[in-house]
Amino acid sequence: TRRDPAGVKILTETAKVYPVADAEKMKDEIDVMILCGGSAT
């Protein structure tokens, strides 16, 4: 998330919320990244 991860509550207990900047560090732990942003920008 681009927001403060501490303020983002998800439903899946086994997953964690990270800042966007941390994505590159996890490239070997994720098989597919689903991008949920808007089409405009």
All heavy atoms as atom14 arrays in JSON, in Angstrom:
{
  "sequence": "TRRDPAGVKILTETAKVYPVADAEKMKDEIDVMILCGGSAT",
  "atom14_mask": [
    [1, 1, 1, 1, 1, 1, 1, 0, 0, 0, 0, 0, 0, 0],
    [1, 1, 1, 1, 1, 1, 1, 1, 1, 1, 1, 0, 0, 0],
    [1, 1, 1, 1, 1, 1, 1, 1, 1, 1, 1, 0, 0, 0],
    [1, 1, 1, 1, 1, 1, 1, 1, 0, 0, 0, 0, 0, 0],
    [1, 1, 1, 1, 1, 1, 1, 0, 0, 0, 0, 0, 0, 0],
    [1, 1, 1, 1, 1, 0, 0, 0, 0, 0, 0, 0, 0, 0],
    [1, 1, 1, 1, 0, 0, 0, 0, 0, 0, 0, 0, 0, 0],
    [1, 1, 1, 1, 1, 1, 1, 0, 0, 0, 0, 0, 0, 0],
    [1, 1, 1, 1, 1, 1, 1, 1, 1, 0, 0, 0, 0, 0],
    [1, 1, 1, 1, 1, 1, 1, 1, 0, 0, 0, 0, 0, 0],
    [1, 1, 1, 1, 1, 1, 1, 1, 0, 0, 0, 0, 0, 0],
    [1, 1, 1, 1, 1, 1, 1, 0, 0, 0, 0, 0, 0, 0],
    [1, 1, 1, 1, 1, 1, 1, 1, 1, 0, 0, 0, 0, 0],
    [1, 1, 1, 1, 1, 1, 1, 0, 0, 0, 0, 0, 0, 0],
    [1, 1, 1, 1, 1, 0, 0, 0, 0, 0, 0, 0, 0, 0],
    [1, 1, 1, 1, 1, 1, 1, 1, 1, 0, 0, 0, 0, 0],
    [1, 1, 1, 1, 1, 1, 1, 0, 0, 0, 0, 0, 0, 0],
    [1, 1, 1, 1, 1, 1, 1, 1, 1, 1, 1, 1, 0, 0],
    [1, 1, 1, 1, 1, 1, 1, 0, 0, 0, 0, 0, 0, 0],
    [1, 1, 1, 1, 1, 1, 1, 0, 0, 0, 0, 0, 0, 0],
    [1, 1, 1, 1, 1, 0, 0, 0, 0, 0, 0, 0, 0, 0],
    [1, 1, 1, 1, 1, 1, 1, 1, 0, 0, 0, 0, 0, 0],
    [1, 1, 1, 1, 1, 0, 0, 0, 0, 0, 0, 0, 0, 0],
    [1, 1, 1, 1, 1, 1, 1, 1, 1, 0, 0, 0, 0, 0],
    [1, 1, 1, 1, 1, 1, 1, 1, 1, 0, 0, 0, 0, 0],
    [1, 1, 1, 1, 1, 1, 1, 1, 0, 0, 0, 0, 0, 0],
    [1, 1, 1, 1, 1, 1, 1, 1, 1, 0, 0, 0, 0, 0],
    [1, 1, 1, 1, 1, 1, 1, 1, 0, 0, 0, 0, 0, 0],
    [1, 1, 1, 1, 1, 1, 1, 1, 1, 0, 0, 0, 0, 0],
    [1, 1, 1, 1, 1, 1, 1, 1, 0, 0, 0, 0, 0, 0],
    [1, 1, 1, 1, 1, 1, 1, 1, 0, 0, 0, 0, 0, 0],
    [1, 1, 1, 1, 1, 1, 1, 0, 0, 0, 0, 0, 0, 0],
    [1, 1, 1, 1, 1, 1, 1, 1, 0, 0, 0, 0, 0, 0],
    [1, 1, 1, 1, 1, 1, 1, 1, 0, 0, 0, 0, 0, 0],
    [1, 1, 1, 1, 1, 1, 1, 1, 0, 0, 0, 0, 0, 0],
    [1, 1, 1, 1, 1, 1, 0, 0, 0, 0, 0, 0, 0, 0],
    [1, 1, 1, 1, 0, 0, 0, 0, 0, 0, 0, 0, 0, 0],
    [1, 1, 1, 1, 0, 0, 0, 0, 0, 0, 0, 0, 0, 0],
    [1, 1, 1, 1, 1, 1, 0, 0, 0, 0, 0, 0, 0, 0],
    [1, 1, 1, 1, 1, 0, 0, 0, 0, 0, 0, 0, 0, 0],
    [1, 1, 1, 1, 1, 1, 1, 0, 0, 0, 0, 0, 0, 0]
  ],
  "atom14_positions": [
    [[0.82, -1.21, 0.0], [0.0, 0.0, 0.0], [0.86, 1.26, 0.0], [1.98, 1.26, 0.51], [-0.94, 0.01, 1.24], [-1.73, 1.2, 1.22], [-0.15, -0.05, 2.54], [0.0, 0.0, 0.0], [0.0, 0.0, 0.0], [0.0, 0.0, 0.0], [0.0, 0.0, 0.0], [0.0, 0.0, 0.0], [0.0, 0.0, 0.0], [0.0, 0.0, 0.0]],
    [[0.28, 2.33, -0.59], [0.94, 3.64, -0.54], [0.59, 4.37, 0.74], [1.2, 5.38, 1.07], [0.53, 4.48, -1.76], [1.14, 3.99, -3.06], [0.71, 4.81, -4.25], [-0.68, 4.6, -4.59], [-1.2, 4.88, -5.8], [-0.41, 5.36, -6.75], [-2.47, 4.68, -6.05], [0.0, 0.0, 0.0], [0.0, 0.0, 0.0], [0.0, 0.0, 0.0]],
    [[-0.4, 3.84, 1.47], [-0.77, 4.42, 2.76], [0.16, 3.9, 3.86], [1.0, 3.04, 3.6], [-2.22, 4.06, 3.08], [-3.25, 4.73, 2.19], [-4.66, 4.28, 2.54], [-5.02, 3.04, 1.87], [-6.06, 2.28, 2.19], [-6.83, 2.63, 3.22], [-6.34, 1.18, 1.53], [0.0, 0.0, 0.0], [0.0, 0.0, 0.0], [0.0, 0.0, 0.0]],
    [[-0.03, 4.39, 5.05], [0.71, 3.85, 6.19], [0.19, 2.43, 6.45], [-0.98, 2.25, 6.77], [0.47, 4.74, 7.41], [1.16, 4.21, 8.67], [1.84, 3.17, 8.59], [1.01, 4.85, 9.74], [0.0, 0.0, 0.0], [0.0, 0.0, 0.0], [0.0, 0.0, 0.0], [0.0, 0.0, 0.0], [0.0, 0.0, 0.0], [0.0, 0.0, 0.0]],
    [[1.06, 1.41, 6.33], [0.6, 0.02, 6.53], [-0.08, -0.2, 7.88], [-0.97, -1.05, 7.99], [1.89, -0.79, 6.42], [2.8, 0.05, 5.59], [2.48, 1.47, 5.95], [0.0, 0.0, 0.0], [0.0, 0.0, 0.0], [0.0, 0.0, 0.0], [0.0, 0.0, 0.0], [0.0, 0.0, 0.0], [0.0, 0.0, 0.0], [0.0, 0.0, 0.0]],
    [[0.31, 0.54, 8.89], [-0.29, 0.37, 10.22], [-1.78, 0.7, 10.21], [-2.54, 0.21, 11.05], [0.44, 1.24, 11.24], [0.0, 0.0, 0.0], [0.0, 0.0, 0.0], [0.0, 0.0, 0.0], [0.0, 0.0, 0.0], [0.0, 0.0, 0.0], [0.0, 0.0, 0.0], [0.0, 0.0, 0.0], [0.0, 0.0, 0.0], [0.0, 0.0, 0.0]],
    [[-2.21, 1.52, 9.27], [-3.61, 1.93, 9.21], [-4.44, 1.1, 8.25], [-5.63, 1.38, 8.06], [0.0, 0.0, 0.0], [0.0, 0.0, 0.0], [0.0, 0.0, 0.0], [0.0, 0.0, 0.0], [0.0, 0.0, 0.0], [0.0, 0.0, 0.0], [0.0, 0.0, 0.0], [0.0, 0.0, 0.0], [0.0, 0.0, 0.0], [0.0, 0.0, 0.0]],
    [[-3.85, 0.09, 7.63], [-4.57, -0.76, 6.67], [-4.83, -2.12, 7.29], [-3.9, -2.88, 7.56], [-3.77, -0.93, 5.36], [-4.5, -1.86, 4.4], [-3.52, 0.43, 4.7], [0.0, 0.0, 0.0], [0.0, 0.0, 0.0], [0.0, 0.0, 0.0], [0.0, 0.0, 0.0], [0.0, 0.0, 0.0], [0.0, 0.0, 0.0], [0.0, 0.0, 0.0]],
    [[-6.09, -2.41, 7.54], [-6.48, -3.68, 8.16], [-7.03, -4.62, 7.1], [-8.01, -4.29, 6.43], [-7.54, -3.45, 9.25], [-7.08, -2.52, 10.36], [-5.95, -3.14, 11.19], [-5.55, -2.21, 12.32], [-4.14, -1.84, 12.28], [0.0, 0.0, 0.0], [0.0, 0.0, 0.0], [0.0, 0.0, 0.0], [0.0, 0.0, 0.0], [0.0, 0.0, 0.0]],
    [[-6.41, -5.8, 6.95], [-6.88, -6.78, 5.98], [-7.56, -7.94, 6.71], [-7.5, -8.04, 7.94], [-5.73, -7.28, 5.09], [-4.67, -8.04, 5.9], [-5.11, -6.11, 4.33], [-3.58, -8.69, 5.04], [0.0, 0.0, 0.0], [0.0, 0.0, 0.0], [0.0, 0.0, 0.0], [0.0, 0.0, 0.0], [0.0, 0.0, 0.0], [0.0, 0.0, 0.0]],
    [[-8.22, -8.81, 5.95], [-9.01, -9.88, 6.53], [-8.23, -11.18, 6.71], [-8.58, -12.03, 7.52], [-10.23, -10.16, 5.64], [-11.15, -8.96, 5.4], [-12.17, -9.29, 4.31], [-11.87, -8.56, 6.68], [0.0, 0.0, 0.0], [0.0, 0.0, 0.0], [0.0, 0.0, 0.0], [0.0, 0.0, 0.0], [0.0, 0.0, 0.0], [0.0, 0.0, 0.0]],
    [[-7.15, -11.33, 5.94], [-6.38, -12.58, 5.94], [-5.35, -12.56, 7.05], [-4.4, -11.78, 7.01], [-5.69, -12.78, 4.57], [-6.67, -12.67, 3.53], [-5.0, -14.14, 4.5], [0.0, 0.0, 0.0], [0.0, 0.0, 0.0], [0.0, 0.0, 0.0], [0.0, 0.0, 0.0], [0.0, 0.0, 0.0], [0.0, 0.0, 0.0], [0.0, 0.0, 0.0]],
    [[-5.52, -13.44, 8.02], [-4.64, -13.42, 9.2], [-3.22, -13.85, 8.88], [-2.27, -13.47, 9.58], [-5.24, -14.31, 10.3], [-6.55, -13.77, 10.86], [-7.15, -14.69, 11.92], [-6.53, -15.74, 12.19], [-8.22, -14.35, 12.46], [0.0, 0.0, 0.0], [0.0, 0.0, 0.0], [0.0, 0.0, 0.0], [0.0, 0.0, 0.0], [0.0, 0.0, 0.0]],
    [[-3.04, -14.64, 7.83], [-1.71, -15.17, 7.51], [-0.9, -14.25, 6.61], [0.25, -14.54, 6.3], [-1.84, -16.54, 6.83], [-2.71, -16.41, 5.69], [-2.41, -17.57, 7.79], [0.0, 0.0, 0.0], [0.0, 0.0, 0.0], [0.0, 0.0, 0.0], [0.0, 0.0, 0.0], [0.0, 0.0, 0.0], [0.0, 0.0, 0.0], [0.0, 0.0, 0.0]],
    [[-1.49, -13.15, 6.15], [-0.79, -12.21, 5.27], [-0.48, -10.92, 6.02], [-1.1, -10.6, 7.04], [-1.63, -11.91, 4.04], [0.0, 0.0, 0.0], [0.0, 0.0, 0.0], [0.0, 0.0, 0.0], [0.0, 0.0, 0.0], [0.0, 0.0, 0.0], [0.0, 0.0, 0.0], [0.0, 0.0, 0.0], [0.0, 0.0, 0.0], [0.0, 0.0, 0.0]],
    [[0.5, -10.17, 5.49], [0.89, -8.91, 6.1], [0.77, -7.76, 5.1], [0.73, -7.97, 3.89], [2.34, -9.0, 6.61], [2.52, -9.95, 7.79], [3.96, -9.89, 8.3], [4.15, -10.79, 9.53], [5.54, -10.75, 10.02], [0.0, 0.0, 0.0], [0.0, 0.0, 0.0], [0.0, 0.0, 0.0], [0.0, 0.0, 0.0], [0.0, 0.0, 0.0]],
    [[0.71, -6.55, 5.66], [0.65, -5.34, 4.85], [2.01, -4.66, 4.88], [2.59, -4.47, 5.95], [-0.43, -4.38, 5.37], [-0.54, -3.15, 4.47], [-1.78, -5.08, 5.46], [0.0, 0.0, 0.0], [0.0, 0.0, 0.0], [0.0, 0.0, 0.0], [0.0, 0.0, 0.0], [0.0, 0.0, 0.0], [0.0, 0.0, 0.0], [0.0, 0.0, 0.0]],
    [[2.49, -4.29, 3.69], [3.82, -3.68, 3.58], [3.71, -2.37, 2.79], [2.8, -2.19, 1.97], [4.79, -4.59, 2.82], [5.02, -5.93, 3.47], [4.23, -7.03, 3.14], [6.05, -6.12, 4.38], [4.45, -8.28, 3.71], [6.29, -7.37, 4.96], [5.48, -8.44, 4.61], [5.7, -9.66, 5.18], [0.0, 0.0, 0.0], [0.0, 0.0, 0.0]],
    [[4.66, -1.47, 2.99], [4.72, -0.3, 2.1], [5.12, -0.72, 0.7], [5.83, -1.74, 0.52], [5.78, 0.59, 2.75], [6.59, -0.32, 3.59], [5.71, -1.43, 4.03], [0.0, 0.0, 0.0], [0.0, 0.0, 0.0], [0.0, 0.0, 0.0], [0.0, 0.0, 0.0], [0.0, 0.0, 0.0], [0.0, 0.0, 0.0], [0.0, 0.0, 0.0]],
    [[4.69, 0.03, -0.29], [5.0, -0.29, -1.69], [6.51, -0.44, -1.91], [6.95, -1.29, -2.68], [4.41, 0.81, -2.61], [4.98, 0.73, -4.0], [2.89, 0.68, -2.66], [0.0, 0.0, 0.0], [0.0, 0.0, 0.0], [0.0, 0.0, 0.0], [0.0, 0.0, 0.0], [0.0, 0.0, 0.0], [0.0, 0.0, 0.0], [0.0, 0.0, 0.0]],
    [[7.27, 0.36, -1.21], [8.73, 0.33, -1.39], [9.35, -1.03, -1.05], [10.45, -1.35, -1.51], [9.39, 1.41, -0.52], [0.0, 0.0, 0.0], [0.0, 0.0, 0.0], [0.0, 0.0, 0.0], [0.0, 0.0, 0.0], [0.0, 0.0, 0.0], [0.0, 0.0, 0.0], [0.0, 0.0, 0.0], [0.0, 0.0, 0.0], [0.0, 0.0, 0.0]],
    [[8.63, -1.85, -0.28], [9.17, -3.16, 0.12], [8.9, -4.25, -0.9], [9.36, -5.39, -0.73], [8.57, -3.59, 1.46], [9.16, -2.83, 2.64], [10.06, -2.0, 2.41], [8.72, -3.06, 3.78], [0.0, 0.0, 0.0], [0.0, 0.0, 0.0], [0.0, 0.0, 0.0], [0.0, 0.0, 0.0], [0.0, 0.0, 0.0], [0.0, 0.0, 0.0]],
    [[8.15, -3.94, -1.96], [7.75, -4.99, -2.91], [8.96, -5.69, -3.53], [8.99, -6.92, -3.63], [6.87, -4.39, -4.01], [0.0, 0.0, 0.0], [0.0, 0.0, 0.0], [0.0, 0.0, 0.0], [0.0, 0.0, 0.0], [0.0, 0.0, 0.0], [0.0, 0.0, 0.0], [0.0, 0.0, 0.0], [0.0, 0.0, 0.0], [0.0, 0.0, 0.0]],
    [[9.97, -4.93, -3.91], [11.13, -5.52, -4.6], [11.82, -6.58, -3.72], [12.32, -7.58, -4.24], [12.12, -4.44, -5.0], [13.26, -4.96, -5.84], [14.1, -3.87, -6.48], [13.82, -2.68, -6.24], [15.03, -4.21, -7.21], [0.0, 0.0, 0.0], [0.0, 0.0, 0.0], [0.0, 0.0, 0.0], [0.0, 0.0, 0.0], [0.0, 0.0, 0.0]],
    [[11.81, -6.38, -2.42], [12.46, -7.32, -1.52], [11.76, -8.68, -1.51], [12.35, -9.67, -1.08], [12.47, -6.76, -0.08], [13.19, -5.43, 0.09], [12.99, -4.92, 1.52], [13.5, -3.49, 1.67], [13.15, -2.93, 3.0], [0.0, 0.0, 0.0], [0.0, 0.0, 0.0], [0.0, 0.0, 0.0], [0.0, 0.0, 0.0], [0.0, 0.0, 0.0]],
    [[10.51, -8.72, -1.96], [9.73, -9.96, -1.87], [9.49, -10.61, -3.24], [8.6, -11.43, -3.41], [8.38, -9.68, -1.18], [8.54, -9.18, 0.24], [6.96, -8.96, 1.09], [6.37, -10.64, 1.18], [0.0, 0.0, 0.0], [0.0, 0.0, 0.0], [0.0, 0.0, 0.0], [0.0, 0.0, 0.0], [0.0, 0.0, 0.0], [0.0, 0.0, 0.0]],
    [[10.32, -10.26, -4.21], [10.07, -10.77, -5.56], [10.21, -12.28, -5.66], [9.65, -12.91, -6.57], [10.97, -10.07, -6.57], [12.46, -10.25, -6.38], [13.22, -9.45, -7.42], [14.72, -9.61, -7.26], [15.46, -8.81, -8.25], [0.0, 0.0, 0.0], [0.0, 0.0, 0.0], [0.0, 0.0, 0.0], [0.0, 0.0, 0.0], [0.0, 0.0, 0.0]],
    [[10.95, -12.91, -4.73], [11.08, -14.37, -4.77], [10.01, -15.08, -3.94], [9.95, -16.31, -3.93], [12.47, -14.77, -4.25], [13.58, -14.26, -5.14], [13.36, -14.19, -6.37], [14.66, -13.9, -4.62], [0.0, 0.0, 0.0], [0.0, 0.0, 0.0], [0.0, 0.0, 0.0], [0.0, 0.0, 0.0], [0.0, 0.0, 0.0], [0.0, 0.0, 0.0]],
    [[9.17, -14.31, -3.25], [8.14, -14.91, -2.4], [6.74, -14.79, -2.99], [5.77, -15.26, -2.4], [8.15, -14.23, -1.02], [9.46, -14.41, -0.25], [9.43, -13.67, 1.08], [8.48, -13.91, 1.85], [10.34, -12.85, 1.32], [0.0, 0.0, 0.0], [0.0, 0.0, 0.0], [0.0, 0.0, 0.0], [0.0, 0.0, 0.0], [0.0, 0.0, 0.0]],
    [[6.64, -14.16, -4.16], [5.33, -13.93, -4.79], [5.36, -14.46, -6.21], [6.26, -14.13, -6.99], [4.98, -12.43, -4.77], [4.67, -12.0, -3.32], [3.8, -12.12, -5.69], [4.55, -10.51, -3.13], [0.0, 0.0, 0.0], [0.0, 0.0, 0.0], [0.0, 0.0, 0.0], [0.0, 0.0, 0.0], [0.0, 0.0, 0.0], [0.0, 0.0, 0.0]],
    [[4.38, -15.31, -6.55], [4.31, -15.88, -7.89], [3.63, -14.94, -8.88], [4.04, -14.85, -10.03], [3.55, -17.22, -7.85], [4.28, -18.26, -7.02], [5.48, -18.46, -7.23], [3.62, -18.87, -6.13], [0.0, 0.0, 0.0], [0.0, 0.0, 0.0], [0.0, 0.0, 0.0], [0.0, 0.0, 0.0], [0.0, 0.0, 0.0], [0.0, 0.0, 0.0]],
    [[2.57, -14.28, -8.44], [1.85, -13.33, -9.29], [1.44, -12.13, -8.45], [0.86, -12.29, -7.37], [0.58, -13.96, -9.93], [-0.09, -12.96, -10.87], [0.91, -15.25, -10.67], [0.0, 0.0, 0.0], [0.0, 0.0, 0.0], [0.0, 0.0, 0.0], [0.0, 0.0, 0.0], [0.0, 0.0, 0.0], [0.0, 0.0, 0.0], [0.0, 0.0, 0.0]],
    [[1.72, -10.93, -8.97], [1.29, -9.7, -8.31], [0.06, -9.17, -9.05], [0.1, -8.95, -10.27], [2.4, -8.65, -8.35], [2.05, -7.34, -7.67], [2.06, -7.44, -5.87], [3.82, -7.18, -5.55], [0.0, 0.0, 0.0], [0.0, 0.0, 0.0], [0.0, 0.0, 0.0], [0.0, 0.0, 0.0], [0.0, 0.0, 0.0], [0.0, 0.0, 0.0]],
    [[-1.04, -8.99, -8.32], [-2.26, -8.43, -8.91], [-2.29, -6.94, -8.61], [-2.28, -6.52, -7.44], [-3.51, -9.13, -8.36], [-3.46, -10.63, -8.71], [-4.78, -8.49, -8.94], [-4.66, -11.43, -8.23], [0.0, 0.0, 0.0], [0.0, 0.0, 0.0], [0.0, 0.0, 0.0], [0.0, 0.0, 0.0], [0.0, 0.0, 0.0], [0.0, 0.0, 0.0]],
    [[-2.31, -6.14, -9.67], [-2.23, -4.68, -9.54], [-3.63, -4.1, -9.5], [-4.41, -4.25, -10.46], [-1.44, -4.09, -10.71], [-0.03, -4.69, -10.91], [0.62, -4.11, -12.16], [0.83, -4.46, -9.69], [0.0, 0.0, 0.0], [0.0, 0.0, 0.0], [0.0, 0.0, 0.0], [0.0, 0.0, 0.0], [0.0, 0.0, 0.0], [0.0, 0.0, 0.0]],
    [[-3.97, -3.43, -8.41], [-5.35, -2.98, -8.17], [-5.48, -1.46, -8.22], [-6.37, -0.88, -7.58], [-5.85, -3.53, -6.84], [-5.91, -5.33, -6.82], [0.0, 0.0, 0.0], [0.0, 0.0, 0.0], [0.0, 0.0, 0.0], [0.0, 0.0, 0.0], [0.0, 0.0, 0.0], [0.0, 0.0, 0.0], [0.0, 0.0, 0.0], [0.0, 0.0, 0.0]],
    [[-4.61, -0.79, -8.96], [-4.7, 0.65, -9.11], [-5.68, 1.05, -10.2], [-6.29, 0.2, -10.86], [0.0, 0.0, 0.0], [0.0, 0.0, 0.0], [0.0, 0.0, 0.0], [0.0, 0.0, 0.0], [0.0, 0.0, 0.0], [0.0, 0.0, 0.0], [0.0, 0.0, 0.0], [0.0, 0.0, 0.0], [0.0, 0.0, 0.0], [0.0, 0.0, 0.0]],
    [[-5.82, 2.35, -10.41], [-6.73, 2.88, -11.42], [-6.09, 2.97, -12.79], [-4.87, 3.07, -12.92], [0.0, 0.0, 0.0], [0.0, 0.0, 0.0], [0.0, 0.0, 0.0], [0.0, 0.0, 0.0], [0.0, 0.0, 0.0], [0.0, 0.0, 0.0], [0.0, 0.0, 0.0], [0.0, 0.0, 0.0], [0.0, 0.0, 0.0], [0.0, 0.0, 0.0]],
    [[-6.95, 2.97, -13.81], [-6.45, 2.99, -15.19], [-5.96, 4.36, -15.63], [-5.15, 4.46, -16.55], [-7.55, 2.51, -16.14], [-7.88, 1.17, -15.87], [0.0, 0.0, 0.0], [0.0, 0.0, 0.0], [0.0, 0.0, 0.0], [0.0, 0.0, 0.0], [0.0, 0.0, 0.0], [0.0, 0.0, 0.0], [0.0, 0.0, 0.0], [0.0, 0.0, 0.0]],
    [[-6.46, 5.42, -15.01], [-6.11, 6.76, -15.47], [-4.64, 7.09, -15.26], [-3.93, 7.47, -16.2], [-7.0, 7.79, -14.77], [0.0, 0.0, 0.0], [0.0, 0.0, 0.0], [0.0, 0.0, 0.0], [0.0, 0.0, 0.0], [0.0, 0.0, 0.0], [0.0, 0.0, 0.0], [0.0, 0.0, 0.0], [0.0, 0.0, 0.0], [0.0, 0.0, 0.0]],
    [[-4.15, 6.91, -14.04], [-2.77, 7.33, -13.74], [-1.91, 6.22, -13.13], [-0.69, 6.25, -13.27], [-2.77, 8.53, -12.78], [-3.5, 8.19, -11.59], [-3.42, 9.74, -13.43], [0.0, 0.0, 0.0], [0.0, 0.0, 0.0], [0.0, 0.0, 0.0], [0.0, 0.0, 0.0], [0.0, 0.0, 0.0], [0.0, 0.0, 0.0], [0.0, 0.0, 0.0]]
  ]
}
